[in-house]
Protein backbone atom coordinates (compact mmCIF):
# COMPACT_ATOMS: atom_id res chain seq x y z
CA MET A 1 136.47 209.43 118.82
CA LYS A 2 137.91 205.57 118.79
CA THR A 3 135.52 203.50 117.04
CA SER A 4 135.23 199.92 117.53
CA SER A 5 135.39 197.31 114.84
CA PRO A 6 131.99 195.59 113.63
CA PRO A 7 131.05 192.32 115.65
CA SER A 8 131.28 190.45 112.44
CA ALA A 9 134.87 191.36 111.93
CA ALA A 10 135.82 190.14 115.05
CA LEU A 11 133.85 186.86 114.70
CA VAL A 12 135.51 186.07 111.29
CA ARG A 13 139.00 185.35 112.20
CA PHE A 14 140.23 182.10 110.84
CA ASP A 15 139.58 181.01 107.32
CA PRO A 16 135.87 179.84 107.40
CA VAL A 17 136.42 177.40 104.10
CA LEU A 18 139.17 175.52 105.71
CA LEU A 19 137.34 175.16 108.90
CA CYS A 20 134.33 173.70 107.01
CA ALA A 21 136.18 171.21 105.29
CA VAL A 22 137.83 169.94 108.24
CA LEU A 23 134.51 169.80 110.36
CA GLY A 24 132.86 168.32 106.99
CA LEU A 25 135.56 165.88 106.93
CA VAL A 26 135.27 164.71 110.64
CA SER A 27 131.29 165.05 110.35
CA PHE A 28 131.85 162.26 107.35
CA GLY A 29 134.11 160.24 109.51
CA LEU A 30 131.44 159.92 112.24
CA VAL A 31 128.95 158.74 109.64
CA MET A 32 131.08 156.20 107.91
CA VAL A 33 132.79 154.90 111.46
CA TYR A 34 128.95 154.26 112.57
CA SER A 35 128.22 152.34 108.94
CA ALA A 36 131.31 150.73 108.84
CA SER A 37 131.70 149.12 112.51
CA ALA A 38 127.74 148.58 113.61
CA VAL A 39 127.43 144.99 112.49
CA LEU A 40 131.36 144.12 114.19
CA ALA A 41 130.30 146.04 117.42
CA GLN A 42 126.88 144.33 117.47
CA ASP A 43 128.18 141.00 117.37
CA LYS A 44 131.69 141.46 119.12
CA LEU A 45 130.62 144.01 122.20
CA GLY A 46 126.73 143.95 122.22
CA ASP A 47 126.63 147.52 121.52
CA SER A 48 126.50 148.90 117.72
CA LEU A 49 127.17 152.16 118.93
CA TYR A 50 130.61 151.39 120.72
CA PHE A 51 132.70 152.32 118.15
CA LEU A 52 131.12 155.51 117.27
CA LYS A 53 130.16 156.41 121.27
CA ARG A 54 134.39 156.39 121.34
CA GLN A 55 134.89 158.50 117.96
CA LEU A 56 132.33 161.06 119.36
CA VAL A 57 134.39 161.19 122.19
CA ALA A 58 137.58 161.83 120.43
CA ALA A 59 136.07 164.44 118.01
CA GLY A 60 134.81 166.42 121.16
CA LEU A 61 138.29 166.30 122.58
CA GLY A 62 139.73 167.03 119.14
CA LEU A 63 137.37 170.13 119.03
CA VAL A 64 138.64 171.39 122.42
CA ALA A 65 142.46 170.94 121.10
CA MET A 66 141.31 172.77 117.68
CA ALA A 67 139.82 175.41 119.56
CA ALA A 68 142.96 175.61 122.12
CA ALA A 69 145.54 175.80 119.13
CA MET A 70 143.15 178.45 117.60
CA LYS A 71 143.39 180.52 120.69
CA VAL A 72 146.57 180.44 121.75
CA GLY A 73 148.40 180.55 118.02
CA TRP A 74 150.94 179.00 116.24
CA ARG A 75 153.88 181.35 117.34
CA ARG A 76 153.80 179.96 120.92
CA LEU A 77 154.42 176.75 119.55
CA ALA A 78 157.75 178.02 119.13
CA ARG A 79 159.02 177.51 122.57
CA TRP A 80 157.47 174.39 122.85
CA ALA A 81 159.61 173.05 120.25
CA TYR A 82 161.98 170.97 122.03
CA PRO A 83 159.35 170.19 124.93
CA LEU A 84 157.04 168.57 122.75
CA LEU A 85 160.13 166.52 120.90
CA LEU A 86 161.30 165.24 124.20
CA ALA A 87 157.82 164.27 125.28
CA ALA A 88 157.35 162.54 121.71
CA ILE A 89 160.56 160.64 122.33
CA VAL A 90 159.68 159.63 125.91
CA LEU A 91 156.27 158.07 124.95
CA LEU A 92 157.75 156.06 122.15
CA VAL A 93 160.62 154.52 124.25
CA LEU A 94 157.47 153.95 126.91
CA VAL A 95 155.36 152.28 124.28
CA ASN A 96 158.13 150.08 123.70
CA ILE A 97 158.60 148.70 127.20
CA PRO A 98 156.60 145.40 127.98
CA GLY A 99 154.24 146.09 130.75
CA ILE A 100 153.46 149.57 129.42
CA GLY A 101 152.98 149.45 125.64
CA SER A 102 149.69 147.61 124.94
CA THR A 103 150.10 144.93 121.91
CA ALA A 104 147.32 144.35 119.39
CA GLY A 105 147.62 142.99 115.82
CA GLY A 106 151.35 142.00 116.18
CA ALA A 107 152.48 145.41 117.04
CA ARG A 108 152.92 147.35 120.37
CA ARG A 109 152.06 151.02 119.75
CA TRP A 110 149.40 152.19 122.30
CA ILE A 111 149.78 152.95 125.72
CA ARG A 112 146.59 152.06 127.66
CA LEU A 113 145.37 154.82 129.93
CA PRO A 114 141.73 154.76 131.79
CA GLY A 115 139.54 155.12 129.60
CA PHE A 116 141.12 155.65 126.07
CA GLY A 117 144.87 154.29 124.47
CA LEU A 118 147.40 156.63 123.47
CA GLN A 119 149.02 156.00 120.45
CA PRO A 120 152.60 157.94 120.83
CA ALA A 121 153.46 158.00 116.81
CA GLU A 122 150.28 160.25 116.43
CA VAL A 123 152.00 162.58 118.82
CA ALA A 124 155.74 162.29 117.33
CA LYS A 125 154.27 163.33 113.77
CA PHE A 126 152.86 166.31 115.13
CA ALA A 127 155.99 166.86 117.67
CA TRP A 128 158.72 166.41 114.54
CA VAL A 129 156.97 168.91 112.25
CA VAL A 130 156.84 171.64 114.91
CA TYR A 131 160.48 171.12 115.90
CA LEU A 132 161.48 170.66 112.24
CA SER A 133 159.80 174.03 111.53
CA TYR A 134 161.43 175.94 114.44
CA SER A 135 165.02 174.32 113.89
CA LEU A 136 165.14 175.06 110.24
CA ALA A 137 163.67 178.69 110.66
CA LYS A 138 166.40 179.17 113.27
CA LYS A 139 169.17 178.01 111.34
CA ARG A 140 167.90 179.47 108.01
CA GLU A 141 171.00 181.16 106.96
CA LYS A 142 172.97 177.68 107.40
CA VAL A 143 170.35 174.96 106.22
CA ALA A 144 172.35 174.67 102.98
CA LYS A 145 175.92 173.61 105.37
CA PHE A 146 176.00 169.93 105.43
CA SER A 147 176.97 169.79 109.18
CA VAL A 148 174.65 172.61 110.38
CA GLY A 149 170.98 172.09 108.35
CA PHE A 150 171.27 168.46 107.53
CA VAL A 151 173.28 165.95 109.58
CA PRO A 152 171.56 166.75 112.78
CA HIS A 153 168.03 166.70 111.49
CA LEU A 154 168.95 163.42 109.60
CA ALA A 155 170.10 161.82 113.10
CA LEU A 156 167.21 163.25 115.21
CA CYS A 157 164.86 161.72 112.62
CA GLY A 158 166.99 158.20 112.42
CA ILE A 159 166.41 158.03 116.24
CA LEU A 160 162.42 158.63 115.99
CA VAL A 161 162.45 155.89 112.95
CA LEU A 162 164.27 153.66 115.10
CA LEU A 163 161.88 153.78 118.03
CA CYS A 164 158.80 153.69 115.47
CA MET A 165 160.24 150.41 113.91
CA MET A 166 160.80 148.65 117.36
CA GLN A 167 156.83 148.78 117.85
CA PRO A 168 157.05 148.07 114.56
CA ASP A 169 155.20 151.11 112.73
CA PHE A 170 157.18 151.13 108.99
CA GLY A 171 154.26 153.60 107.91
CA SER A 172 154.75 156.11 110.83
CA SER A 173 158.55 155.91 110.04
CA VAL A 174 157.83 156.43 106.46
CA LEU A 175 156.00 159.26 106.88
CA LEU A 176 158.68 161.09 109.40
CA VAL A 177 161.22 160.47 106.73
CA PHE A 178 158.91 162.15 104.21
CA MET A 179 158.53 165.14 106.47
CA LEU A 180 162.48 165.71 106.63
CA PHE A 181 162.48 165.53 103.14
CA VAL A 182 159.74 168.07 102.38
CA LEU A 183 160.72 170.83 105.09
CA LEU A 184 164.46 170.60 104.14
CA PHE A 185 163.33 171.10 100.58
CA ALA A 186 161.28 174.19 101.45
CA ALA A 187 163.88 175.31 103.70
CA GLY A 188 166.81 175.17 100.65
CA ALA A 189 168.85 172.32 101.76
CA LYS A 190 170.87 171.18 98.57
CA LEU A 191 169.21 169.13 96.13
CA SER A 192 172.17 166.66 96.38
CA TYR A 193 171.83 166.16 100.26
CA LEU A 194 168.25 165.27 99.41
CA VAL A 195 168.93 162.84 96.53
CA GLY A 196 171.80 161.08 98.62
CA MET A 197 169.08 160.78 101.65
CA VAL A 198 166.56 158.94 99.13
CA LEU A 199 169.27 156.62 97.99
CA LEU A 200 170.71 156.08 101.27
CA ALA A 201 166.66 155.34 102.55
CA LEU A 202 166.03 152.75 99.74
CA PRO A 203 168.33 149.85 100.73
CA MET A 204 167.48 150.12 104.28
CA ALA A 205 163.87 150.25 103.56
CA TYR A 206 164.71 147.22 101.39
CA VAL A 207 166.31 145.44 104.35
CA ALA A 208 163.78 146.33 106.60
CA ILE A 209 160.87 144.85 104.59
CA ALA A 210 163.25 141.60 103.58
CA SER A 211 164.24 140.79 107.08
CA SER A 212 160.17 140.96 108.04
CA PRO A 213 158.04 137.91 106.77
CA TYR A 214 154.89 140.03 107.48
CA ARG A 215 156.31 142.54 105.51
CA MET A 216 157.26 140.30 102.79
CA LYS A 217 153.77 138.73 102.74
CA ARG A 218 152.15 142.73 102.11
CA ILE A 219 154.32 142.99 99.18
CA LEU A 220 153.39 139.94 97.74
CA ALA A 221 149.73 140.82 98.49
CA PHE A 222 150.71 144.01 96.76
CA MET A 223 151.97 142.45 93.39
CA ASP A 224 149.11 140.17 92.49
CA PRO A 225 146.15 139.87 95.18
CA TRP A 226 144.27 137.59 93.31
CA ALA A 227 146.81 134.82 93.11
CA HIS A 228 147.10 135.05 97.07
CA ARG A 229 143.22 135.62 97.36
CA HIS A 230 142.86 133.52 100.02
CA ASP A 231 145.89 134.11 102.21
CA VAL A 232 148.29 137.25 102.18
CA GLY A 233 146.13 139.02 99.72
CA TYR A 234 142.78 138.74 101.28
CA GLN A 235 142.53 141.98 102.75
CA VAL A 236 143.46 143.49 99.22
CA ALA A 237 141.12 141.57 97.36
CA GLU A 238 138.41 142.21 99.73
CA SER A 239 138.74 146.03 99.36
CA LEU A 240 139.04 145.96 95.64
CA MET A 241 135.63 144.23 95.31
CA SER A 242 134.11 146.85 98.16
CA ILE A 243 135.33 149.46 95.83
CA GLY A 244 134.66 148.17 92.47
CA SER A 245 130.89 147.33 93.79
CA GLY A 246 130.10 150.77 94.72
CA GLY A 247 129.74 152.10 91.18
CA VAL A 248 128.93 156.04 90.79
CA ALA A 249 126.22 156.26 93.23
CA GLY A 250 127.24 153.52 95.49
CA LEU A 251 124.78 150.89 97.46
CA GLY A 252 123.61 153.40 99.97
CA LEU A 253 124.68 154.20 103.65
CA GLY A 254 124.26 151.49 105.71
CA ASP A 255 123.92 148.94 102.73
CA GLY A 256 127.46 147.81 102.06
CA ARG A 257 128.43 144.05 102.15
CA GLN A 258 132.06 143.89 102.71
CA LYS A 259 131.68 145.24 106.40
CA LEU A 260 129.90 142.29 107.13
CA PHE A 261 132.82 140.25 108.24
CA PHE A 262 134.33 140.09 105.16
CA LEU A 263 136.82 143.11 105.12
CA PRO A 264 139.24 142.99 108.10
CA GLU A 265 139.81 146.87 109.50
CA ALA A 266 136.61 148.03 107.86
CA HIS A 267 136.47 151.34 110.02
CA THR A 268 139.85 151.55 110.60
CA ASP A 269 142.40 151.48 108.04
CA PHE A 270 140.08 150.46 105.10
CA ILE A 271 137.50 152.82 105.70
CA PHE A 272 137.87 154.04 102.34
CA SER A 273 136.85 150.87 100.64
CA ILE A 274 133.39 151.14 102.74
CA ILE A 275 133.15 154.92 101.74
CA ALA A 276 133.77 153.73 97.69
CA GLU A 277 131.10 150.77 98.42
CA GLU A 278 128.24 152.86 100.04
CA THR A 279 128.54 156.22 98.50
CA GLY A 280 130.51 155.43 94.90
CA LEU A 281 132.34 157.57 92.71
CA ILE A 282 130.14 160.57 94.02
CA GLY A 283 131.10 160.41 97.87
CA VAL A 284 134.75 159.38 96.85
CA GLY A 285 134.84 162.57 94.78
CA LEU A 286 133.57 164.83 97.74
CA LEU A 287 136.08 162.83 99.86
CA VAL A 288 138.94 163.93 97.67
CA VAL A 289 137.55 167.56 97.08
CA LEU A 290 137.38 167.84 100.82
CA TYR A 291 141.26 166.94 101.27
CA GLY A 292 141.90 169.45 98.21
CA VAL A 293 140.22 172.02 99.95
CA VAL A 294 142.59 171.49 103.30
CA LEU A 295 145.82 171.13 101.49
CA TRP A 296 145.13 174.43 99.47
CA ARG A 297 143.79 176.43 102.10
CA GLY A 298 146.66 175.28 104.21
CA VAL A 299 149.58 175.81 102.11
CA GLN A 300 147.93 179.42 101.23
CA ALA A 301 147.85 180.00 105.13
CA SER A 302 151.06 178.75 105.51
CA LEU A 303 152.71 181.22 102.39
CA ALA A 304 150.57 184.26 104.18
CA ALA A 305 152.20 183.58 107.32
CA GLY A 306 155.12 185.91 106.40
CA GLU A 307 157.26 184.10 109.03
CA THR A 308 159.71 181.30 107.98
CA PHE A 309 158.44 179.10 111.26
CA GLY A 310 154.77 179.85 110.62
CA THR A 311 155.48 178.90 106.78
CA TYR A 312 157.56 175.84 107.39
CA LEU A 313 154.84 174.71 109.82
CA GLY A 314 151.78 174.74 107.69
CA LEU A 315 153.44 173.47 105.16
CA GLY A 316 154.57 170.34 107.48
CA ILE A 317 151.30 169.99 108.84
CA SER A 318 149.45 170.39 105.49
CA SER A 319 151.64 167.82 104.08
CA ILE A 320 151.02 165.27 106.58
CA ILE A 321 147.18 165.51 106.07
CA ALA A 322 147.81 165.34 102.21
CA PHE A 323 150.29 162.02 102.65
CA GLN A 324 148.49 160.01 105.11
CA ALA A 325 145.43 160.61 102.89
CA ALA A 326 147.02 159.84 99.21
CA VAL A 327 148.63 156.82 101.08
CA ASN A 328 145.47 155.66 103.04
CA MET A 329 143.43 155.76 99.35
CA CYS A 330 145.88 154.23 97.58
CA VAL A 331 146.36 151.44 99.84
CA ALA A 332 142.79 150.73 99.75
CA MET A 333 142.87 150.89 95.94
CA GLY A 334 146.03 148.66 96.10
CA LEU A 335 147.99 150.89 94.29
CA LEU A 336 150.58 150.76 97.47
CA PRO A 337 151.46 147.90 99.93
CA THR A 338 149.60 147.78 103.36
CA LYS A 339 151.20 150.86 105.53
CA GLY A 340 148.80 150.90 108.40
CA LEU A 341 148.19 154.90 108.17
CA THR A 342 144.41 156.09 108.93
CA LEU A 343 142.69 158.31 106.40
CA PRO A 344 142.92 161.82 108.34
CA PHE A 345 139.90 163.06 110.14
CA VAL A 346 137.82 159.88 108.96
CA SER A 347 139.32 156.66 110.49
CA TYR A 348 138.17 154.96 113.84
CA GLY A 349 141.20 156.31 116.16
CA GLY A 350 141.02 158.72 118.93
CA SER A 351 144.85 159.47 119.00
CA SER A 352 144.67 160.02 115.42
CA LEU A 353 141.83 162.24 115.28
CA VAL A 354 142.36 164.58 118.38
CA VAL A 355 145.89 164.93 116.88
CA LEU A 356 145.07 165.96 113.76
CA MET A 357 142.09 168.38 114.53
CA GLY A 358 144.46 170.04 117.05
CA ALA A 359 147.06 170.40 114.20
CA ALA A 360 144.28 171.60 112.10
CA GLY A 361 143.69 174.24 114.66
CA VAL A 362 147.29 175.17 114.09
CA LEU A 363 146.39 175.79 110.41
CA LEU A 364 143.56 177.74 111.28
CA SER A 365 145.75 180.30 113.46
CA LEU A 366 147.69 180.86 110.46
CA SER A 367 144.87 181.79 108.55
CA ALA A 368 143.59 184.35 111.23
CA ASN A 369 142.74 187.40 109.64
CA THR A 370 143.97 186.68 106.15
CA GLN A 371 141.15 184.05 104.94
CA GLY A 372 143.88 182.73 102.54
CA ALA A 373 144.67 186.29 101.50
CA ALA A 374 148.52 186.86 100.95
CA ARG A 375 150.22 188.85 103.04
CA PRO A 376 153.39 190.97 102.79
CA SER A 377 156.26 188.13 103.38
CA ARG A 378 158.78 188.58 106.23
CA VAL A 379 160.51 185.20 106.05
CA GLY A 380 163.46 186.80 107.27
CA THR A 381 161.67 187.78 110.70
CA ASP A 382 164.36 186.75 113.59
CA MET A 383 163.30 183.74 115.54
CA ARG A 384 163.24 185.74 119.12
CA GLU A 385 160.03 187.86 117.56
CA VAL A 386 158.54 184.41 116.86
CA ALA A 387 159.45 182.86 119.98
CA ALA A 388 158.13 185.88 122.04
């Protein structure tokens, strides 16, 4: 007689620790977005809940994207690798066309649609990881070859970076190159090629910075924000003051002072500063722990995938989250020049939140039925099975 599985076994399909960490970050982000933006929203828009309501809508869409990714499963993404990348390239082209792309803060990074704005660079990050994971898994026996495993991916990355730099979006460009390096390294590309790529990227980055007055100003602000306290270093200096005033326990939720028209972008790129000011070292420590849990369980699920595509995909998504979080926090603390990368799951921004929650759903689908436990590796699985 055939017996059915216990109901509890059917319910626990995804890593609960990873799921709780992601939802914890999203919930924490909603609280901090309201705290950091309420005064600004009331003054500029007459509605203190304006940014919170929009972020709640994005979080709702993100939950839908996460649930869809968990249900569809990561294996089916293989067949969408090329369409996703093509769609991302089309969107990056469209956003650079005047009249279609919307300009704000001197950059054209959004396509305004009824009710919301789409940021193509966020879509491109996810599409790039899916494509790289599929392509490198498909060519796994030839990744070490310069003409097969290295040049085509580097050339395609160059196209994406060029389109991002036209906006301009230096932060997303750096992330795309970083993801190429990480996944090529994971796939077994020759170290000499990777070192050569870094050496080639350094002078190109220097030219991109030196030829742009506003990027040079960011470097000056990074080198000595206090010497430029009242001009280019203003934002970094205010951020450092915000972080320093938080102490161990913080000033209390809603009691931060720098968000009162002192710190620009308090609810977006510099929300970490408000978190440090209002929740102190305790809140910052909790935030770092949550990101650490996402990285730990994400990598663990990736290694347990047992298939090359799944392993690369999970490592790529985990790296995106960790890289963005580390860069954002370092920028707020004055350890890196301003990059414009959001704090994952926390900063205000609909496109970023929806895409990242969808990506988290992919990580959760990788963890299905494992809860982080490793399964026998089948790294040599044929890509025809992955795409099936």
